Amino acid sequence: MRKTSQWISSIIIFLLIGTILFLNISEILRKKSGGESDMIHSFYQIEEDTLDVLCLGSSHGYSAIQPNTLWKEFGLTSYVMCSQKQSIGSSYYLLKEALNYQKPKVVLLESYYFYFDRKYTEEASLRMGFDGMRMGRVKWEMVQDFLGELPVKDKLTYYLPFLEYHSRWDSLEDLDFHPKNYLKGGILDLTVYPMEEPELPDEGCELPDISQEYFEKIISLCREHDIQLILYAAPYGYENEGGYERYVNRQKINITLEAYLEKKDIPFIYYQKNNTAALDYQTDFRDYVHLNMNGSVKLTRNLGDYMKENYTLPDHRREDKYQSWWADYDRFEEDMAEAEKNIQKK
């Protein structure tokens, strides 16, 4: 009897060790977003129920918000849970997952992909947003909703990313082993792309039904959890004539969205129309559609002012429980200084 019990215990221990090793290897092999911080997976490293602000959206969002600025200047804890080409549907599921671990007082949603008329944009971007999500009910719901028609073997690669990336051994980089978690989902890019400030179109256009559907779900989640929802539109320009047409169509969505949100009494900060952050198109962009470090600090500071003026939010800067945020800020400052030195050498 004792030998049987020992044998069962050994099997259980072996399976546990094997599972832990499998999950760690899967995480290393999971494809990261180039030089960006590991936005989704690193979210789970934040101590539970310590976030004041959660940010959702696409690359326009993670290029616009600096959590370390919100910490240093306002004492707010925040995380940027954005990902490339994140649809409104994807934002909904990421919010739903985040609320299993955090109780944010404010959700900031960047509006760019409101124009998109499908549940998700493309497979690569969907994986970038969800491969880092823990296996659980929300991930299962997302896969069934977005990918319900796929064969079971293809769905499994979303539940177990290892099955998709097991051949990445020969392309592993330092980022795979040392993600920049101290950026809290933000990025650090000092590139400057000067351009002229573009004009806005005169009228709006119809909002896609699918975006409205998932946005209503986001509204319901925020109300259920007593969260203040704020939408903002980070500014951008265009590269050429073809880009101008795309720019106009996206801005038409924002024009309609502004009136739509006003009826719902949901704040919308439209930076392309009302440049309350004093953004400079000659100095504050890293390419024609994304803010650089300088621009993101300006926009983040403006959003911080807005939140502090309109809502009752804490200031954690002198609280012992949050001192690790100062350590992360120091690392952020060090990397900033190093990046500036590298630019000066060029």
Foldseek 3Di string as FASTA:
>chain_A
DVVVVVVVVVVVVVVVVVVVVLVLVLLLLQDADPQFFLAQLLLVVPAFAQAAEEEEEALQGLLQAFQLLCCVPPQGGYAYLYFHQQALLNRLLSVVLSVVGYQYQAYEYECQRLQDQANGDDDVRVCSNQLSRAQDDSQVVVCCVRPVPDDPVVSVCSNRVCVVRVPCVVPGDPCSVPGLSLRRRHGAFQAFDADDQDDADDAADDGHPVSVVSVVSVVVVCVVSNHQYAYEYRDFAADDPVRNVVVRNSRSHVRVVVVVVVVVVHHYHYCSVPVPLPDHRRRFPNHRGGGHPVNSSSSNVVVSVVPVVPHDDDNCNPPPVPCVNVVSSVVVVVVNVVVVVVVVVD
